[in-house]
Amino acid sequence: MARRLILVTAVVLALLNWAIPPALAAERMPDGVTIAAHVDFATGGLWSSSGAVADEGTVVPLSQRFGSPFPPSPQWTAHEELLFTGQAGSFTIRQQVLLIDLGPTLTVGTSHWVVESGTGEYAGIHGHGTGTVTIRWDAGTLDQTLSGEVNFPAT
């Protein structure tokens, strides 16, 4: 009986080893990350992060598309690609944001994001998560917090 259990265990481990693609096997386990961005419409954006990515730098939009339902409503969407450049390299995040105007000077929203690519120490990074957005139109500022998980290729 013990011999059979050992044989079954060996077969299962061999199948698992064969079934896991080498690219996945070569990655580290996902780790949590939080990114805080503050954008002043007049001067630009800054970000800082903690967790798996501990860095800070500038953030700029690479592309932005906005949409709203017809007839117009206080709810609208934004699709963005954002470039985060820090001391360790840069990474690009693509996000979709659902925004709601709470009044003439305040818009809030939630987002879903994925990491598209990275350079420097961020080369090969993968990740995803959710976020919150607050836009204060009277102050000309946007504050966003992104939370999720990222993983890097094994070193």
N, C-alpha and C. Protein backbone atom coordinates (compact mmCIF):
# COMPACT_ATOMS: atom_id res chain seq x y z
N MET A 1 0.83 -1.20 0.00
CA MET A 1 0.00 0.00 0.00
C MET A 1 0.87 1.25 0.00
N ALA A 2 1.89 1.28 0.85
CA ALA A 2 2.77 2.44 0.91
C ALA A 2 3.50 2.62 -0.41
N ARG A 3 3.88 1.50 -1.04
CA ARG A 3 4.57 1.56 -2.32
C ARG A 3 3.67 2.18 -3.39
N ARG A 4 2.41 1.83 -3.37
CA ARG A 4 1.45 2.37 -4.33
C ARG A 4 1.25 3.88 -4.11
N LEU A 5 1.17 4.30 -2.85
CA LEU A 5 1.01 5.71 -2.52
C LEU A 5 2.22 6.51 -3.02
N ILE A 6 3.41 5.98 -2.85
CA ILE A 6 4.62 6.65 -3.31
C ILE A 6 4.59 6.75 -4.83
N LEU A 7 4.19 5.70 -5.51
CA LEU A 7 4.13 5.72 -6.96
C LEU A 7 3.11 6.74 -7.46
N VAL A 8 1.93 6.78 -6.84
CA VAL A 8 0.89 7.74 -7.24
C VAL A 8 1.38 9.16 -6.99
N THR A 9 2.03 9.41 -5.87
CA THR A 9 2.56 10.74 -5.56
C THR A 9 3.60 11.15 -6.59
N ALA A 10 4.49 10.24 -6.95
CA ALA A 10 5.52 10.55 -7.94
C ALA A 10 4.90 10.88 -9.30
N VAL A 11 3.88 10.14 -9.69
CA VAL A 11 3.21 10.39 -10.97
C VAL A 11 2.53 11.76 -10.94
N VAL A 12 1.82 12.08 -9.86
CA VAL A 12 1.14 13.37 -9.75
C VAL A 12 2.15 14.51 -9.81
N LEU A 13 3.26 14.41 -9.08
CA LEU A 13 4.29 15.45 -9.11
C LEU A 13 4.90 15.60 -10.51
N ALA A 14 5.11 14.50 -11.18
CA ALA A 14 5.65 14.57 -12.54
C ALA A 14 4.67 15.25 -13.49
N LEU A 15 3.38 14.95 -13.36
CA LEU A 15 2.37 15.59 -14.20
C LEU A 15 2.27 17.07 -13.90
N LEU A 16 2.32 17.45 -12.64
CA LEU A 16 2.28 18.87 -12.29
C LEU A 16 3.48 19.60 -12.85
N ASN A 17 4.63 19.01 -12.75
CA ASN A 17 5.84 19.62 -13.28
C ASN A 17 5.74 19.79 -14.78
N TRP A 18 5.17 18.83 -15.47
CA TRP A 18 5.01 18.90 -16.93
C TRP A 18 3.93 19.90 -17.32
N ALA A 19 2.87 20.03 -16.49
CA ALA A 19 1.73 20.88 -16.84
C ALA A 19 1.97 22.36 -16.61
N ILE A 20 2.92 22.73 -15.77
CA ILE A 20 3.17 24.14 -15.48
C ILE A 20 4.13 24.68 -16.54
N PRO A 21 3.69 25.67 -17.33
CA PRO A 21 4.57 26.24 -18.35
C PRO A 21 5.83 26.81 -17.71
N PRO A 22 6.98 26.70 -18.39
CA PRO A 22 8.23 27.23 -17.83
C PRO A 22 8.15 28.71 -17.48
N ALA A 23 7.42 29.50 -18.26
CA ALA A 23 7.32 30.94 -17.97
C ALA A 23 6.67 31.18 -16.62
N LEU A 24 5.64 30.39 -16.28
CA LEU A 24 4.99 30.54 -14.98
C LEU A 24 5.87 30.01 -13.86
N ALA A 25 6.55 28.93 -14.11
CA ALA A 25 7.40 28.35 -13.09
C ALA A 25 8.56 29.27 -12.75
N ALA A 26 8.95 30.14 -13.71
CA ALA A 26 10.09 31.02 -13.50
C ALA A 26 9.71 32.34 -12.83
N GLU A 27 8.44 32.52 -12.44
CA GLU A 27 8.02 33.75 -11.79
C GLU A 27 7.96 33.56 -10.28
N ARG A 28 8.20 34.65 -9.57
CA ARG A 28 8.03 34.64 -8.13
C ARG A 28 6.54 34.71 -7.82
N MET A 29 6.17 34.42 -6.63
CA MET A 29 4.77 34.49 -6.21
C MET A 29 4.31 35.95 -6.18
N PRO A 30 3.02 36.20 -6.47
CA PRO A 30 2.51 37.58 -6.42
C PRO A 30 2.66 38.18 -5.03
N ASP A 31 2.85 39.49 -5.01
CA ASP A 31 3.00 40.21 -3.74
C ASP A 31 2.16 41.48 -3.83
N GLY A 32 1.66 41.95 -2.70
CA GLY A 32 0.80 43.12 -2.66
C GLY A 32 1.53 44.42 -2.96
N VAL A 33 0.79 45.36 -3.55
CA VAL A 33 1.35 46.68 -3.86
C VAL A 33 0.25 47.72 -3.68
N THR A 34 0.64 48.91 -3.24
CA THR A 34 -0.25 50.06 -3.16
C THR A 34 0.48 51.25 -3.79
N ILE A 35 -0.19 51.89 -4.74
CA ILE A 35 0.37 53.05 -5.43
C ILE A 35 -0.55 54.25 -5.19
N ALA A 36 0.02 55.34 -4.73
CA ALA A 36 -0.74 56.58 -4.52
C ALA A 36 -0.23 57.61 -5.52
N ALA A 37 -1.15 58.18 -6.29
CA ALA A 37 -0.78 59.20 -7.28
C ALA A 37 -1.53 60.49 -6.99
N HIS A 38 -0.84 61.60 -7.16
CA HIS A 38 -1.45 62.92 -7.02
C HIS A 38 -1.11 63.72 -8.27
N VAL A 39 -2.14 64.17 -8.96
CA VAL A 39 -1.94 64.93 -10.20
C VAL A 39 -2.50 66.33 -10.00
N ASP A 40 -1.64 67.31 -10.23
CA ASP A 40 -2.06 68.71 -10.29
C ASP A 40 -2.17 69.04 -11.77
N PHE A 41 -3.35 69.44 -12.22
CA PHE A 41 -3.56 69.65 -13.65
C PHE A 41 -2.62 70.71 -14.22
N ALA A 42 -2.11 71.60 -13.39
CA ALA A 42 -1.22 72.66 -13.87
C ALA A 42 0.25 72.23 -13.91
N THR A 43 0.66 71.35 -12.98
CA THR A 43 2.08 71.05 -12.87
C THR A 43 2.45 69.60 -13.15
N GLY A 44 1.50 68.67 -13.20
CA GLY A 44 1.80 67.27 -13.49
C GLY A 44 1.56 66.35 -12.32
N GLY A 45 1.98 65.08 -12.50
CA GLY A 45 1.66 64.06 -11.51
C GLY A 45 2.87 63.45 -10.84
N LEU A 46 2.68 63.11 -9.57
CA LEU A 46 3.69 62.42 -8.77
C LEU A 46 3.06 61.17 -8.17
N TRP A 47 3.88 60.14 -7.93
CA TRP A 47 3.39 58.91 -7.32
C TRP A 47 4.42 58.37 -6.34
N SER A 48 3.92 57.56 -5.42
CA SER A 48 4.77 56.79 -4.52
C SER A 48 4.08 55.47 -4.27
N SER A 49 4.85 54.46 -3.89
CA SER A 49 4.27 53.14 -3.71
C SER A 49 4.94 52.41 -2.56
N SER A 50 4.25 51.37 -2.10
CA SER A 50 4.78 50.52 -1.04
C SER A 50 4.41 49.08 -1.36
N GLY A 51 5.08 48.17 -0.69
CA GLY A 51 4.84 46.75 -0.93
C GLY A 51 5.86 46.20 -1.92
N ALA A 52 5.39 45.41 -2.88
CA ALA A 52 6.29 44.77 -3.85
C ALA A 52 7.04 45.79 -4.69
N VAL A 53 6.46 46.96 -4.89
CA VAL A 53 7.11 48.07 -5.59
C VAL A 53 7.24 49.21 -4.60
N ALA A 54 8.46 49.52 -4.19
CA ALA A 54 8.70 50.63 -3.26
C ALA A 54 9.53 51.66 -4.01
N ASP A 55 8.85 52.65 -4.58
CA ASP A 55 9.52 53.62 -5.43
C ASP A 55 8.67 54.89 -5.45
N GLU A 56 9.14 55.90 -6.17
CA GLU A 56 8.38 57.14 -6.35
C GLU A 56 8.89 57.83 -7.60
N GLY A 57 8.05 58.71 -8.14
CA GLY A 57 8.47 59.42 -9.34
C GLY A 57 7.33 60.19 -9.96
N THR A 58 7.32 60.24 -11.30
CA THR A 58 6.32 60.99 -12.03
C THR A 58 5.35 60.04 -12.74
N VAL A 59 4.14 60.53 -12.98
CA VAL A 59 3.15 59.77 -13.74
C VAL A 59 2.58 60.68 -14.81
N VAL A 60 2.49 60.14 -16.05
CA VAL A 60 1.92 60.90 -17.17
C VAL A 60 0.98 59.98 -17.95
N PRO A 61 -0.09 60.54 -18.49
CA PRO A 61 -0.98 59.74 -19.33
C PRO A 61 -0.36 59.55 -20.72
N LEU A 62 -0.39 58.30 -21.21
CA LEU A 62 0.03 58.03 -22.58
C LEU A 62 -1.16 58.11 -23.52
N SER A 63 -2.32 57.69 -23.03
CA SER A 63 -3.56 57.81 -23.81
C SER A 63 -4.73 57.89 -22.85
N GLN A 64 -5.77 58.61 -23.27
CA GLN A 64 -6.99 58.75 -22.48
C GLN A 64 -8.18 58.81 -23.44
N ARG A 65 -9.21 58.03 -23.13
CA ARG A 65 -10.47 58.09 -23.87
C ARG A 65 -11.59 58.17 -22.85
N PHE A 66 -12.55 59.04 -23.11
CA PHE A 66 -13.64 59.26 -22.18
C PHE A 66 -14.96 58.97 -22.88
N GLY A 67 -15.93 58.49 -22.11
CA GLY A 67 -17.25 58.22 -22.66
C GLY A 67 -18.32 58.45 -21.63
N SER A 68 -19.52 58.74 -22.11
CA SER A 68 -20.67 58.90 -21.21
C SER A 68 -21.89 58.35 -21.92
N PRO A 69 -22.88 57.92 -21.16
CA PRO A 69 -24.09 57.38 -21.77
C PRO A 69 -24.91 58.49 -22.42
N PHE A 70 -25.82 58.09 -23.28
CA PHE A 70 -26.72 59.05 -23.90
C PHE A 70 -28.12 58.73 -23.42
N PRO A 71 -28.91 59.62 -22.90
CA PRO A 71 -28.60 61.04 -22.73
C PRO A 71 -27.56 61.23 -21.62
N PRO A 72 -26.92 62.40 -21.60
CA PRO A 72 -25.86 62.64 -20.61
C PRO A 72 -26.35 62.37 -19.18
N SER A 73 -25.43 61.83 -18.40
CA SER A 73 -25.73 61.54 -17.00
C SER A 73 -24.50 61.88 -16.18
N PRO A 74 -24.62 61.84 -14.86
CA PRO A 74 -23.45 62.13 -14.02
C PRO A 74 -22.43 60.98 -13.99
N GLN A 75 -22.73 59.88 -14.69
CA GLN A 75 -21.84 58.72 -14.69
C GLN A 75 -21.11 58.65 -16.04
N TRP A 76 -19.79 58.47 -16.01
CA TRP A 76 -19.02 58.38 -17.24
C TRP A 76 -17.80 57.49 -17.03
N THR A 77 -17.10 57.16 -18.11
CA THR A 77 -15.97 56.25 -18.02
C THR A 77 -14.71 56.89 -18.60
N ALA A 78 -13.58 56.38 -18.15
CA ALA A 78 -12.28 56.78 -18.69
C ALA A 78 -11.48 55.50 -18.93
N HIS A 79 -10.82 55.44 -20.06
CA HIS A 79 -9.90 54.35 -20.40
C HIS A 79 -8.54 55.01 -20.58
N GLU A 80 -7.56 54.56 -19.79
CA GLU A 80 -6.27 55.25 -19.78
C GLU A 80 -5.10 54.27 -19.81
N GLU A 81 -4.00 54.75 -20.37
CA GLU A 81 -2.70 54.13 -20.22
C GLU A 81 -1.84 55.16 -19.51
N LEU A 82 -1.25 54.76 -18.39
CA LEU A 82 -0.46 55.68 -17.57
C LEU A 82 0.97 55.16 -17.47
N LEU A 83 1.94 56.06 -17.64
CA LEU A 83 3.35 55.71 -17.51
C LEU A 83 3.86 56.22 -16.16
N PHE A 84 4.29 55.29 -15.32
CA PHE A 84 4.87 55.59 -14.01
C PHE A 84 6.39 55.46 -14.14
N THR A 85 7.13 56.56 -13.95
CA THR A 85 8.58 56.53 -14.03
C THR A 85 9.15 56.80 -12.65
N GLY A 86 10.01 55.89 -12.20
CA GLY A 86 10.61 56.02 -10.87
C GLY A 86 12.11 55.84 -10.94
N GLN A 87 12.72 55.70 -9.78
CA GLN A 87 14.17 55.57 -9.70
C GLN A 87 14.64 54.21 -10.21
N ALA A 88 13.78 53.18 -10.12
CA ALA A 88 14.18 51.83 -10.50
C ALA A 88 13.80 51.47 -11.94
N GLY A 89 13.12 52.36 -12.65
CA GLY A 89 12.67 52.08 -14.01
C GLY A 89 11.29 52.66 -14.22
N SER A 90 10.57 52.11 -15.18
CA SER A 90 9.21 52.59 -15.44
C SER A 90 8.29 51.41 -15.71
N PHE A 91 6.99 51.64 -15.54
CA PHE A 91 6.00 50.63 -15.89
C PHE A 91 4.75 51.34 -16.37
N THR A 92 4.02 50.64 -17.24
CA THR A 92 2.80 51.19 -17.83
C THR A 92 1.61 50.41 -17.31
N ILE A 93 0.60 51.16 -16.86
CA ILE A 93 -0.65 50.57 -16.37
C ILE A 93 -1.78 50.98 -17.31
N ARG A 94 -2.62 50.02 -17.67
CA ARG A 94 -3.85 50.31 -18.40
C ARG A 94 -5.00 50.15 -17.42
N GLN A 95 -5.89 51.14 -17.40
CA GLN A 95 -7.01 51.06 -16.46
C GLN A 95 -8.30 51.54 -17.09
N GLN A 96 -9.39 51.00 -16.54
CA GLN A 96 -10.74 51.45 -16.89
C GLN A 96 -11.35 52.00 -15.60
N VAL A 97 -11.88 53.23 -15.70
CA VAL A 97 -12.40 53.91 -14.52
C VAL A 97 -13.88 54.24 -14.73
N LEU A 98 -14.70 53.91 -13.75
CA LEU A 98 -16.11 54.34 -13.74
C LEU A 98 -16.19 55.54 -12.81
N LEU A 99 -16.60 56.68 -13.36
CA LEU A 99 -16.62 57.94 -12.62
C LEU A 99 -18.05 58.43 -12.42
N ILE A 100 -18.29 59.10 -11.29
CA ILE A 100 -19.61 59.66 -10.98
C ILE A 100 -19.40 61.09 -10.49
N ASP A 101 -20.07 62.01 -11.16
CA ASP A 101 -20.02 63.41 -10.73
C ASP A 101 -20.95 63.58 -9.53
N LEU A 102 -20.38 64.00 -8.40
CA LEU A 102 -21.19 64.23 -7.20
C LEU A 102 -21.64 65.68 -7.09
N GLY A 103 -21.15 66.50 -7.97
CA GLY A 103 -21.48 67.92 -7.99
C GLY A 103 -20.58 68.59 -9.00
N PRO A 104 -20.69 69.90 -9.12
CA PRO A 104 -19.89 70.59 -10.13
C PRO A 104 -18.40 70.61 -9.84
N THR A 105 -18.00 70.35 -8.59
CA THR A 105 -16.58 70.42 -8.25
C THR A 105 -15.98 69.10 -7.78
N LEU A 106 -16.78 68.01 -7.74
CA LEU A 106 -16.28 66.74 -7.20
C LEU A 106 -16.74 65.56 -8.04
N THR A 107 -15.76 64.74 -8.45
CA THR A 107 -16.02 63.49 -9.15
C THR A 107 -15.26 62.39 -8.44
N VAL A 108 -15.91 61.24 -8.23
CA VAL A 108 -15.25 60.09 -7.61
C VAL A 108 -15.41 58.88 -8.53
N GLY A 109 -14.57 57.89 -8.33
CA GLY A 109 -14.67 56.71 -9.17
C GLY A 109 -13.90 55.52 -8.65
N THR A 110 -14.10 54.41 -9.34
CA THR A 110 -13.39 53.17 -9.04
C THR A 110 -12.78 52.66 -10.34
N SER A 111 -11.68 51.94 -10.22
CA SER A 111 -10.98 51.47 -11.42
C SER A 111 -10.57 50.01 -11.28
N HIS A 112 -10.31 49.43 -12.44
CA HIS A 112 -9.65 48.12 -12.56
C HIS A 112 -8.43 48.37 -13.43
N TRP A 113 -7.28 47.83 -13.03
CA TRP A 113 -6.04 48.10 -13.74
C TRP A 113 -5.23 46.83 -13.94
N VAL A 114 -4.38 46.87 -14.99
CA VAL A 114 -3.41 45.81 -15.25
C VAL A 114 -2.09 46.46 -15.66
N VAL A 115 -1.00 45.81 -15.32
CA VAL A 115 0.32 46.28 -15.75
C VAL A 115 0.54 45.75 -17.17
N GLU A 116 0.90 46.65 -18.08
CA GLU A 116 1.16 46.25 -19.46
C GLU A 116 2.62 45.91 -19.72
N SER A 117 3.54 46.69 -19.15
CA SER A 117 4.96 46.46 -19.43
C SER A 117 5.80 47.20 -18.40
N GLY A 118 7.11 46.91 -18.41
CA GLY A 118 8.02 47.59 -17.51
C GLY A 118 9.42 47.64 -18.08
N THR A 119 10.23 48.57 -17.57
CA THR A 119 11.63 48.69 -17.96
C THR A 119 12.49 48.73 -16.70
N GLY A 120 13.79 48.58 -16.87
CA GLY A 120 14.70 48.60 -15.72
C GLY A 120 14.37 47.45 -14.78
N GLU A 121 14.31 47.74 -13.49
CA GLU A 121 13.99 46.69 -12.51
C GLU A 121 12.55 46.20 -12.65
N TYR A 122 11.72 46.90 -13.42
CA TYR A 122 10.33 46.49 -13.62
C TYR A 122 10.14 45.67 -14.89
N ALA A 123 11.22 45.33 -15.58
CA ALA A 123 11.12 44.50 -16.79
C ALA A 123 10.48 43.16 -16.44
N GLY A 124 9.49 42.76 -17.20
CA GLY A 124 8.81 41.49 -16.98
C GLY A 124 7.73 41.51 -15.91
N ILE A 125 7.44 42.67 -15.33
CA ILE A 125 6.44 42.76 -14.26
C ILE A 125 5.05 42.44 -14.81
N HIS A 126 4.26 41.76 -14.00
CA HIS A 126 2.84 41.49 -14.28
C HIS A 126 2.07 41.95 -13.05
N GLY A 127 0.82 42.35 -13.23
CA GLY A 127 0.03 42.72 -12.06
C GLY A 127 -1.36 43.20 -12.44
N HIS A 128 -2.19 43.31 -11.41
CA HIS A 128 -3.57 43.77 -11.60
C HIS A 128 -4.13 44.19 -10.26
N GLY A 129 -5.24 44.92 -10.31
CA GLY A 129 -5.89 45.32 -9.06
C GLY A 129 -7.02 46.29 -9.30
N THR A 130 -7.40 46.97 -8.23
CA THR A 130 -8.50 47.94 -8.27
C THR A 130 -8.00 49.25 -7.69
N GLY A 131 -8.80 50.30 -7.90
CA GLY A 131 -8.39 51.60 -7.39
C GLY A 131 -9.56 52.51 -7.11
N THR A 132 -9.24 53.63 -6.49
CA THR A 132 -10.22 54.69 -6.24
C THR A 132 -9.66 55.99 -6.77
N VAL A 133 -10.56 56.87 -7.23
CA VAL A 133 -10.18 58.15 -7.81
C VAL A 133 -11.03 59.25 -7.19
N THR A 134 -10.41 60.37 -6.88
CA THR A 134 -11.13 61.57 -6.46
C THR A 134 -10.60 62.75 -7.27
N ILE A 135 -11.51 63.42 -7.99
CA ILE A 135 -11.13 64.60 -8.77
C ILE A 135 -11.81 65.81 -8.14
N ARG A 136 -11.00 66.79 -7.81
CA ARG A 136 -11.50 68.06 -7.27
C ARG A 136 -11.29 69.12 -8.36
N TRP A 137 -12.35 69.38 -9.11
CA TRP A 137 -12.26 70.28 -10.25
C TRP A 137 -11.91 71.70 -9.83
N ASP A 138 -12.43 72.15 -8.69
CA ASP A 138 -12.14 73.51 -8.25
C ASP A 138 -10.67 73.69 -7.86
N ALA A 139 -10.04 72.63 -7.37
CA ALA A 139 -8.62 72.70 -7.00
C ALA A 139 -7.72 72.28 -8.16
N GLY A 140 -8.30 71.67 -9.19
CA GLY A 140 -7.51 71.20 -10.32
C GLY A 140 -6.62 70.03 -9.97
N THR A 141 -7.13 69.09 -9.14
CA THR A 141 -6.31 67.96 -8.71
C THR A 141 -7.06 66.64 -8.88
N LEU A 142 -6.28 65.58 -9.00
CA LEU A 142 -6.78 64.21 -9.05
C LEU A 142 -5.93 63.39 -8.10
N ASP A 143 -6.58 62.64 -7.23
CA ASP A 143 -5.88 61.72 -6.33
C ASP A 143 -6.37 60.32 -6.60
N GLN A 144 -5.42 59.38 -6.73
CA GLN A 144 -5.79 58.00 -7.03
C GLN A 144 -4.97 57.06 -6.18
N THR A 145 -5.63 56.01 -5.69
CA THR A 145 -4.95 54.93 -4.97
C THR A 145 -5.22 53.64 -5.71
N LEU A 146 -4.16 52.93 -6.07
CA LEU A 146 -4.25 51.64 -6.74
C LEU A 146 -3.75 50.57 -5.78
N SER A 147 -4.53 49.52 -5.62
CA SER A 147 -4.14 48.40 -4.75
C SER A 147 -4.28 47.11 -5.55
N GLY A 148 -3.36 46.19 -5.33
CA GLY A 148 -3.45 44.92 -6.04
C GLY A 148 -2.24 44.07 -5.76
N GLU A 149 -1.89 43.27 -6.76
CA GLU A 149 -0.73 42.41 -6.61
C GLU A 149 0.08 42.42 -7.90
N VAL A 150 1.38 42.28 -7.75
CA VAL A 150 2.30 42.20 -8.87
C VAL A 150 3.25 41.02 -8.65
N ASN A 151 3.80 40.54 -9.75
CA ASN A 151 4.87 39.56 -9.64
C ASN A 151 5.90 39.83 -10.71
N PHE A 152 7.11 39.41 -10.43
CA PHE A 152 8.27 39.65 -11.28
C PHE A 152 8.83 38.30 -11.72
N PRO A 153 9.58 38.28 -12.82
CA PRO A 153 10.28 37.05 -13.18
C PRO A 153 11.26 36.67 -12.07
N ALA A 154 11.47 35.39 -11.90
CA ALA A 154 12.43 34.93 -10.88
C ALA A 154 13.83 35.38 -11.28
N THR A 155 14.62 35.69 -10.29
CA THR A 155 15.98 36.13 -10.57
C THR A 155 16.96 34.99 -10.44
